[in-house]
N, C-alpha and C. Protein backbone atom coordinates (compact mmCIF):
# COMPACT_ATOMS: atom_id res chain seq x y z
N MET A 1 -0.23 -35.24 68.58
CA MET A 1 -0.02 -33.83 68.90
C MET A 1 -1.34 -33.09 68.77
N ASN A 2 -1.55 -32.14 69.64
CA ASN A 2 -2.75 -31.30 69.62
C ASN A 2 -2.85 -30.59 68.27
N PRO A 3 -3.99 -30.68 67.56
CA PRO A 3 -4.12 -30.04 66.25
C PRO A 3 -3.90 -28.54 66.30
N ALA A 4 -4.31 -27.90 67.39
CA ALA A 4 -4.13 -26.45 67.51
C ALA A 4 -2.66 -26.09 67.58
N VAL A 5 -1.85 -26.95 68.20
CA VAL A 5 -0.42 -26.70 68.33
C VAL A 5 0.33 -27.16 67.09
N ALA A 6 -0.15 -28.22 66.46
CA ALA A 6 0.54 -28.80 65.32
C ALA A 6 0.69 -27.81 64.17
N GLY A 7 -0.28 -26.94 63.97
CA GLY A 7 -0.22 -26.00 62.86
C GLY A 7 0.65 -24.79 63.09
N VAL A 8 1.08 -24.54 64.32
CA VAL A 8 1.84 -23.33 64.62
C VAL A 8 3.13 -23.23 63.83
N PRO A 9 3.98 -24.28 63.77
CA PRO A 9 5.22 -24.14 63.00
C PRO A 9 4.96 -23.86 61.52
N VAL A 10 3.94 -24.48 60.94
CA VAL A 10 3.61 -24.27 59.53
C VAL A 10 3.21 -22.82 59.31
N VAL A 11 2.32 -22.32 60.15
CA VAL A 11 1.87 -20.93 60.04
C VAL A 11 3.05 -19.99 60.24
N ARG A 12 3.88 -20.28 61.23
CA ARG A 12 5.05 -19.44 61.50
C ARG A 12 5.97 -19.42 60.28
N ASP A 13 6.22 -20.58 59.66
CA ASP A 13 7.09 -20.65 58.49
C ASP A 13 6.52 -19.85 57.32
N LYS A 14 5.20 -19.91 57.14
CA LYS A 14 4.57 -19.13 56.07
C LYS A 14 4.72 -17.63 56.34
N ILE A 15 4.53 -17.24 57.58
CA ILE A 15 4.68 -15.82 57.94
C ILE A 15 6.11 -15.37 57.74
N ILE A 16 7.07 -16.19 58.16
CA ILE A 16 8.48 -15.85 57.97
C ILE A 16 8.76 -15.67 56.48
N GLY A 17 8.21 -16.56 55.66
CA GLY A 17 8.40 -16.43 54.21
C GLY A 17 7.84 -15.13 53.67
N LEU A 18 6.65 -14.78 54.09
CA LEU A 18 6.04 -13.52 53.64
C LEU A 18 6.84 -12.31 54.11
N VAL A 19 7.26 -12.34 55.36
CA VAL A 19 8.02 -11.22 55.91
C VAL A 19 9.36 -11.09 55.20
N SER A 20 10.06 -12.22 55.00
CA SER A 20 11.38 -12.16 54.39
C SER A 20 11.30 -11.67 52.95
N ALA A 21 10.21 -11.99 52.26
CA ALA A 21 10.04 -11.53 50.89
C ALA A 21 9.90 -10.00 50.82
N ARG A 22 9.48 -9.39 51.90
CA ARG A 22 9.26 -7.94 51.91
C ARG A 22 10.34 -7.18 52.67
N MET A 23 11.34 -7.88 53.19
CA MET A 23 12.34 -7.24 54.04
C MET A 23 13.49 -6.57 53.28
N ASN A 24 13.68 -6.86 52.01
CA ASN A 24 14.74 -6.26 51.21
C ASN A 24 16.11 -6.37 51.86
N GLY A 25 16.52 -7.58 52.17
CA GLY A 25 17.86 -7.79 52.69
C GLY A 25 17.97 -7.81 54.20
N SER A 26 16.97 -7.35 54.94
CA SER A 26 17.02 -7.45 56.39
C SER A 26 16.85 -8.91 56.80
N SER A 27 17.26 -9.22 58.02
CA SER A 27 17.16 -10.62 58.44
C SER A 27 15.71 -11.02 58.66
N VAL A 28 15.43 -12.31 58.45
CA VAL A 28 14.10 -12.85 58.68
C VAL A 28 13.73 -12.68 60.14
N ARG A 29 14.69 -12.92 61.04
CA ARG A 29 14.42 -12.80 62.48
C ARG A 29 13.95 -11.39 62.82
N THR A 30 14.58 -10.36 62.22
CA THR A 30 14.17 -8.98 62.47
C THR A 30 12.76 -8.77 61.98
N GLY A 31 12.46 -9.27 60.79
CA GLY A 31 11.11 -9.12 60.25
C GLY A 31 10.08 -9.85 61.07
N PHE A 32 10.42 -11.06 61.52
CA PHE A 32 9.49 -11.83 62.33
C PHE A 32 9.26 -11.16 63.68
N SER A 33 10.31 -10.62 64.26
CA SER A 33 10.17 -9.92 65.54
C SER A 33 9.24 -8.73 65.39
N TRP A 34 9.42 -7.99 64.30
CA TRP A 34 8.54 -6.84 64.05
C TRP A 34 7.09 -7.29 63.91
N LEU A 35 6.88 -8.34 63.10
CA LEU A 35 5.52 -8.83 62.88
C LEU A 35 4.89 -9.33 64.17
N SER A 36 5.64 -10.06 64.98
CA SER A 36 5.07 -10.60 66.21
C SER A 36 4.73 -9.48 67.20
N ARG A 37 5.52 -8.41 67.21
CA ARG A 37 5.20 -7.27 68.08
C ARG A 37 3.91 -6.62 67.62
N GLU A 38 3.73 -6.56 66.31
CA GLU A 38 2.53 -5.94 65.76
C GLU A 38 1.28 -6.78 66.00
N LEU A 39 1.41 -8.08 65.87
CA LEU A 39 0.24 -8.95 65.96
C LEU A 39 -0.03 -9.50 67.34
N GLY A 40 1.01 -9.83 68.06
CA GLY A 40 0.92 -10.29 69.40
C GLY A 40 0.92 -11.77 69.61
N THR A 41 0.18 -13.74 70.12
CA THR A 41 0.11 -15.08 70.66
C THR A 41 1.45 -15.82 70.60
N ALA A 42 1.71 -16.52 71.57
CA ALA A 42 3.00 -17.19 71.69
C ALA A 42 3.11 -18.38 70.73
N CYS A 43 4.25 -18.48 70.10
CA CYS A 43 4.58 -19.69 69.37
C CYS A 43 5.79 -20.31 70.06
N GLN A 44 6.43 -21.29 69.45
CA GLN A 44 7.48 -22.05 70.12
C GLN A 44 8.62 -21.20 70.68
N ASP A 45 9.04 -20.17 69.97
CA ASP A 45 10.18 -19.39 70.43
C ASP A 45 9.79 -18.16 71.23
N GLY A 46 8.55 -18.11 71.68
CA GLY A 46 8.13 -17.03 72.56
C GLY A 46 7.59 -15.80 71.85
N HIS A 47 7.67 -15.76 70.53
CA HIS A 47 7.10 -14.64 69.80
C HIS A 47 5.58 -14.77 69.82
N LYS A 48 4.89 -13.70 69.50
CA LYS A 48 3.44 -13.71 69.56
C LYS A 48 2.81 -13.46 68.20
N PHE A 49 1.61 -14.00 67.98
CA PHE A 49 0.88 -13.78 66.74
C PHE A 49 -0.31 -12.85 66.97
N PHE A 50 -1.05 -13.01 68.07
CA PHE A 50 -2.23 -12.20 68.32
C PHE A 50 -2.20 -11.70 69.76
N LYS A 51 -2.43 -10.42 69.95
CA LYS A 51 -2.48 -9.86 71.29
C LYS A 51 -3.81 -10.22 71.93
N MET A 52 -3.75 -10.49 73.23
CA MET A 52 -4.97 -10.70 74.00
C MET A 52 -4.93 -9.71 75.17
N TYR A 53 -6.05 -9.17 75.49
CA TYR A 53 -6.15 -8.22 76.59
C TYR A 53 -6.96 -8.89 77.69
N ILE A 54 -6.45 -8.81 78.89
CA ILE A 54 -7.02 -9.54 80.01
C ILE A 54 -7.62 -8.58 81.02
N VAL A 55 -8.87 -8.81 81.36
CA VAL A 55 -9.52 -8.10 82.46
C VAL A 55 -9.40 -9.03 83.65
N TYR A 56 -8.97 -8.48 84.79
CA TYR A 56 -8.71 -9.33 85.94
C TYR A 56 -9.27 -8.72 87.22
N ILE A 57 -9.50 -9.61 88.17
CA ILE A 57 -9.85 -9.17 89.53
C ILE A 57 -8.81 -9.79 90.45
N LEU A 58 -8.20 -8.93 91.24
CA LEU A 58 -7.26 -9.37 92.27
C LEU A 58 -7.96 -9.30 93.61
N GLN A 59 -7.56 -10.18 94.51
CA GLN A 59 -8.07 -10.10 95.88
C GLN A 59 -6.89 -9.94 96.82
N SER A 60 -7.03 -9.00 97.73
CA SER A 60 -5.99 -8.75 98.72
C SER A 60 -6.00 -9.87 99.75
N GLU A 61 -4.83 -10.45 99.99
CA GLU A 61 -4.71 -11.45 101.05
C GLU A 61 -4.60 -10.77 102.40
N PHE A 62 -4.43 -9.45 102.40
CA PHE A 62 -4.34 -8.66 103.63
C PHE A 62 -5.72 -8.42 104.23
N ASP A 63 -6.67 -7.93 103.40
CA ASP A 63 -8.00 -7.61 103.94
C ASP A 63 -9.17 -8.13 103.11
N GLY A 64 -8.89 -8.90 102.04
CA GLY A 64 -9.97 -9.49 101.25
C GLY A 64 -10.61 -8.57 100.24
N SER A 65 -10.14 -7.33 100.12
CA SER A 65 -10.74 -6.40 99.16
C SER A 65 -10.35 -6.79 97.74
N TYR A 66 -11.08 -6.22 96.77
CA TYR A 66 -10.87 -6.53 95.37
C TYR A 66 -10.27 -5.34 94.63
N TYR A 67 -9.51 -5.66 93.57
CA TYR A 67 -8.97 -4.64 92.66
C TYR A 67 -9.23 -5.15 91.25
N ILE A 68 -9.74 -4.29 90.38
CA ILE A 68 -10.07 -4.66 89.00
C ILE A 68 -9.19 -3.87 88.06
N GLY A 69 -8.66 -4.57 87.04
CA GLY A 69 -7.82 -3.90 86.05
C GLY A 69 -7.81 -4.66 84.75
N GLN A 70 -7.02 -4.18 83.80
CA GLN A 70 -6.85 -4.86 82.52
C GLN A 70 -5.40 -4.71 82.08
N THR A 71 -4.91 -5.70 81.36
CA THR A 71 -3.51 -5.73 80.95
C THR A 71 -3.32 -6.66 79.76
N GLU A 72 -2.14 -6.62 79.16
CA GLU A 72 -1.78 -7.58 78.12
C GLU A 72 -1.01 -8.75 78.73
N ASP A 73 -0.42 -8.56 79.91
CA ASP A 73 0.43 -9.58 80.52
C ASP A 73 0.07 -9.70 82.01
N LEU A 74 -0.78 -10.65 82.33
CA LEU A 74 -1.30 -10.78 83.69
C LEU A 74 -0.21 -11.12 84.70
N GLU A 75 0.71 -11.99 84.33
CA GLU A 75 1.79 -12.36 85.24
C GLU A 75 2.63 -11.13 85.63
N ARG A 76 2.99 -10.35 84.63
CA ARG A 76 3.80 -9.15 84.87
C ARG A 76 3.02 -8.14 85.70
N ARG A 77 1.73 -8.00 85.41
CA ARG A 77 0.90 -7.03 86.12
C ARG A 77 0.73 -7.44 87.60
N LEU A 78 0.55 -8.73 87.86
CA LEU A 78 0.44 -9.20 89.25
C LEU A 78 1.74 -8.91 90.00
N ALA A 79 2.87 -9.17 89.35
CA ALA A 79 4.16 -8.88 89.99
C ALA A 79 4.29 -7.39 90.28
N TYR A 80 3.81 -6.55 89.38
CA TYR A 80 3.82 -5.10 89.56
C TYR A 80 3.03 -4.71 90.82
N HIS A 81 1.83 -5.27 90.94
CA HIS A 81 1.01 -4.95 92.11
C HIS A 81 1.66 -5.47 93.40
N ASN A 82 2.21 -6.66 93.36
CA ASN A 82 2.81 -7.25 94.57
C ASN A 82 4.17 -6.67 94.91
N ALA A 83 4.73 -5.88 93.99
CA ALA A 83 5.99 -5.19 94.27
C ALA A 83 5.74 -3.81 94.87
N GLY A 84 4.47 -3.44 95.03
CA GLY A 84 4.14 -2.15 95.62
C GLY A 84 4.28 -0.99 94.66
N MET A 85 4.22 -1.24 93.36
CA MET A 85 4.43 -0.19 92.36
C MET A 85 3.18 0.67 92.13
N SER A 86 2.03 0.20 92.56
CA SER A 86 0.78 0.95 92.42
C SER A 86 0.41 1.51 93.80
N ARG A 87 0.09 2.78 93.83
CA ARG A 87 -0.21 3.43 95.11
C ARG A 87 -1.36 2.72 95.85
N TYR A 88 -2.45 2.44 95.13
CA TYR A 88 -3.60 1.82 95.80
C TYR A 88 -3.29 0.41 96.27
N THR A 89 -2.74 -0.41 95.40
CA THR A 89 -2.55 -1.81 95.76
C THR A 89 -1.38 -2.01 96.72
N SER A 90 -0.48 -1.06 96.82
CA SER A 90 0.69 -1.23 97.70
C SER A 90 0.28 -1.30 99.18
N ARG A 91 -0.85 -0.71 99.51
CA ARG A 91 -1.30 -0.70 100.91
C ARG A 91 -1.98 -2.00 101.33
N LYS A 92 -2.27 -2.86 100.37
CA LYS A 92 -3.07 -4.06 100.70
C LYS A 92 -2.42 -5.35 100.20
N MET A 93 -1.11 -5.33 100.05
CA MET A 93 -0.39 -6.52 99.56
C MET A 93 -0.41 -7.61 100.61
N PRO A 94 -0.25 -8.86 100.17
CA PRO A 94 -0.10 -9.35 98.80
C PRO A 94 -1.45 -9.56 98.12
N TRP A 95 -1.40 -9.68 96.79
CA TRP A 95 -2.58 -9.86 95.96
C TRP A 95 -2.51 -11.20 95.24
N LYS A 96 -3.70 -11.76 94.95
CA LYS A 96 -3.76 -12.98 94.14
C LYS A 96 -4.85 -12.78 93.09
N VAL A 97 -4.67 -13.43 91.94
CA VAL A 97 -5.65 -13.35 90.86
C VAL A 97 -6.78 -14.31 91.20
N VAL A 98 -8.01 -13.80 91.22
CA VAL A 98 -9.18 -14.65 91.50
C VAL A 98 -10.12 -14.75 90.31
N TYR A 99 -9.88 -13.93 89.28
CA TYR A 99 -10.77 -13.91 88.12
C TYR A 99 -10.06 -13.27 86.95
N ASN A 100 -10.30 -13.80 85.74
CA ASN A 100 -9.79 -13.13 84.54
C ASN A 100 -10.60 -13.53 83.32
N GLU A 101 -10.65 -12.62 82.35
CA GLU A 101 -11.32 -12.82 81.07
C GLU A 101 -10.38 -12.29 79.99
N GLU A 102 -10.43 -12.90 78.80
CA GLU A 102 -9.59 -12.45 77.69
C GLU A 102 -10.46 -11.80 76.61
N TYR A 103 -9.91 -10.74 76.02
CA TYR A 103 -10.56 -10.02 74.93
C TYR A 103 -9.56 -9.80 73.81
N SER A 104 -10.05 -9.74 72.58
CA SER A 104 -9.16 -9.58 71.44
C SER A 104 -8.77 -8.12 71.20
N THR A 105 -9.51 -7.17 71.76
CA THR A 105 -9.15 -5.76 71.59
C THR A 105 -9.09 -5.06 72.95
N ARG A 106 -8.24 -4.05 73.01
CA ARG A 106 -8.14 -3.27 74.24
C ARG A 106 -9.46 -2.55 74.51
N LYS A 107 -10.12 -2.11 73.47
CA LYS A 107 -11.40 -1.40 73.63
C LYS A 107 -12.42 -2.27 74.37
N GLU A 108 -12.52 -3.55 73.96
CA GLU A 108 -13.44 -4.47 74.64
C GLU A 108 -13.04 -4.68 76.10
N ALA A 109 -11.74 -4.82 76.33
CA ALA A 109 -11.26 -5.05 77.70
C ALA A 109 -11.55 -3.84 78.59
N ILE A 110 -11.31 -2.65 78.07
CA ILE A 110 -11.58 -1.43 78.85
C ILE A 110 -13.07 -1.30 79.13
N ARG A 111 -13.89 -1.62 78.15
CA ARG A 111 -15.35 -1.55 78.35
C ARG A 111 -15.78 -2.49 79.48
N ARG A 112 -15.24 -3.72 79.47
CA ARG A 112 -15.58 -4.70 80.51
C ARG A 112 -15.02 -4.27 81.87
N GLU A 113 -13.79 -3.76 81.88
CA GLU A 113 -13.19 -3.29 83.14
C GLU A 113 -14.06 -2.19 83.75
N ARG A 114 -14.49 -1.24 82.94
CA ARG A 114 -15.35 -0.15 83.45
C ARG A 114 -16.67 -0.69 83.97
N PHE A 115 -17.26 -1.64 83.24
CA PHE A 115 -18.50 -2.25 83.70
C PHE A 115 -18.31 -2.87 85.08
N LEU A 116 -17.26 -3.67 85.24
CA LEU A 116 -17.02 -4.34 86.52
C LEU A 116 -16.76 -3.32 87.63
N LYS A 117 -15.97 -2.30 87.34
CA LYS A 117 -15.68 -1.29 88.37
C LYS A 117 -16.94 -0.53 88.77
N ASN A 118 -17.84 -0.31 87.82
CA ASN A 118 -19.08 0.42 88.13
C ASN A 118 -20.06 -0.38 88.96
N GLN A 119 -19.87 -1.69 89.07
CA GLN A 119 -20.78 -2.51 89.87
C GLN A 119 -20.67 -2.15 91.35
N ARG A 120 -19.46 -1.97 91.84
CA ARG A 120 -19.22 -1.62 93.25
C ARG A 120 -20.10 -2.43 94.19
N ASN A 121 -20.14 -3.74 93.94
CA ASN A 121 -21.02 -4.60 94.70
C ASN A 121 -20.27 -5.89 95.02
N ARG A 122 -19.89 -6.06 96.26
CA ARG A 122 -19.09 -7.21 96.67
C ARG A 122 -19.78 -8.54 96.33
N LYS A 123 -21.11 -8.59 96.53
CA LYS A 123 -21.85 -9.83 96.24
C LYS A 123 -21.80 -10.15 94.74
N PHE A 124 -21.86 -9.12 93.91
CA PHE A 124 -21.75 -9.32 92.47
C PHE A 124 -20.38 -9.94 92.13
N TYR A 125 -19.31 -9.36 92.69
CA TYR A 125 -17.95 -9.87 92.44
C TYR A 125 -17.80 -11.30 92.95
N GLU A 126 -18.33 -11.57 94.13
CA GLU A 126 -18.20 -12.91 94.71
C GLU A 126 -18.92 -13.95 93.88
N LYS A 127 -20.10 -13.60 93.35
CA LYS A 127 -20.82 -14.54 92.47
C LYS A 127 -20.05 -14.75 91.17
N LEU A 128 -19.52 -13.68 90.60
CA LEU A 128 -18.74 -13.78 89.37
C LEU A 128 -17.52 -14.70 89.58
N ILE A 129 -16.83 -14.52 90.69
CA ILE A 129 -15.65 -15.33 91.01
C ILE A 129 -16.04 -16.78 91.26
N LYS A 130 -17.14 -16.98 91.99
CA LYS A 130 -17.61 -18.35 92.28
C LYS A 130 -17.96 -19.08 90.98
N ASP A 131 -18.68 -18.40 90.09
CA ASP A 131 -19.04 -19.00 88.81
C ASP A 131 -17.80 -19.29 87.96
N PHE A 132 -16.84 -18.39 87.99
CA PHE A 132 -15.58 -18.56 87.26
C PHE A 132 -14.82 -19.78 87.77
N ARG A 133 -14.75 -19.92 89.09
CA ARG A 133 -14.04 -21.08 89.68
C ARG A 133 -14.74 -22.39 89.35
N SER A 134 -16.08 -22.41 89.43
CA SER A 134 -16.79 -23.65 89.14
C SER A 134 -16.67 -24.01 87.66
N LEU A 135 -16.66 -23.01 86.78
CA LEU A 135 -16.48 -23.26 85.35
C LEU A 135 -15.09 -23.83 85.09
N ASN A 136 -14.07 -23.23 85.69
CA ASN A 136 -12.70 -23.72 85.53
C ASN A 136 -12.53 -25.10 86.12
N GLN A 137 -13.20 -25.37 87.23
CA GLN A 137 -13.13 -26.69 87.86
C GLN A 137 -13.75 -27.74 86.95
N SER A 138 -14.90 -27.43 86.35
CA SER A 138 -15.56 -28.39 85.47
C SER A 138 -14.73 -28.61 84.19
N ASP A 139 -14.05 -27.57 83.70
CA ASP A 139 -13.18 -27.71 82.53
C ASP A 139 -12.00 -28.61 82.84
N SER A 140 -11.41 -28.49 84.02
CA SER A 140 -10.25 -29.31 84.37
C SER A 140 -10.66 -30.75 84.60
N ASN A 141 -11.90 -31.00 84.98
CA ASN A 141 -12.37 -32.38 85.17
C ASN A 141 -12.57 -33.10 83.84
N LYS A 142 -12.73 -32.34 82.74
CA LYS A 142 -12.95 -32.93 81.43
C LYS A 142 -11.65 -33.45 80.81
N ILE A 143 -10.53 -32.99 81.31
CA ILE A 143 -9.23 -33.37 80.72
C ILE A 143 -8.81 -34.75 81.12
């Protein structure tokens, strides 16, 4: 078993123990749900321990243009854009994710999102995406 995954149940059990000790009669599940909402990363039952904030670049399959944003849930956010819920992106559907980065704080993600939006340079975005794809390709070849 992957060492990173192997420790999750142990850590989760320790957290449940700590939470239940402070719950004063409330259920452990309620306490764990509260804690996971506060902290945020997925464990076996879908609860989270640490929140991650994702900066992403979408590319329109309609005209090839780019859209930059940040979110906690990239899958949900992509569905939002492809459902036409955003005024800007609704005119250029469908969208696909071509780039993403993870940050541990929203502040860092917003700072990076603003930096990327301020570039306003298609060649810059294309190089960033190309480098991202080649990095991901080389990582998948190592497995």
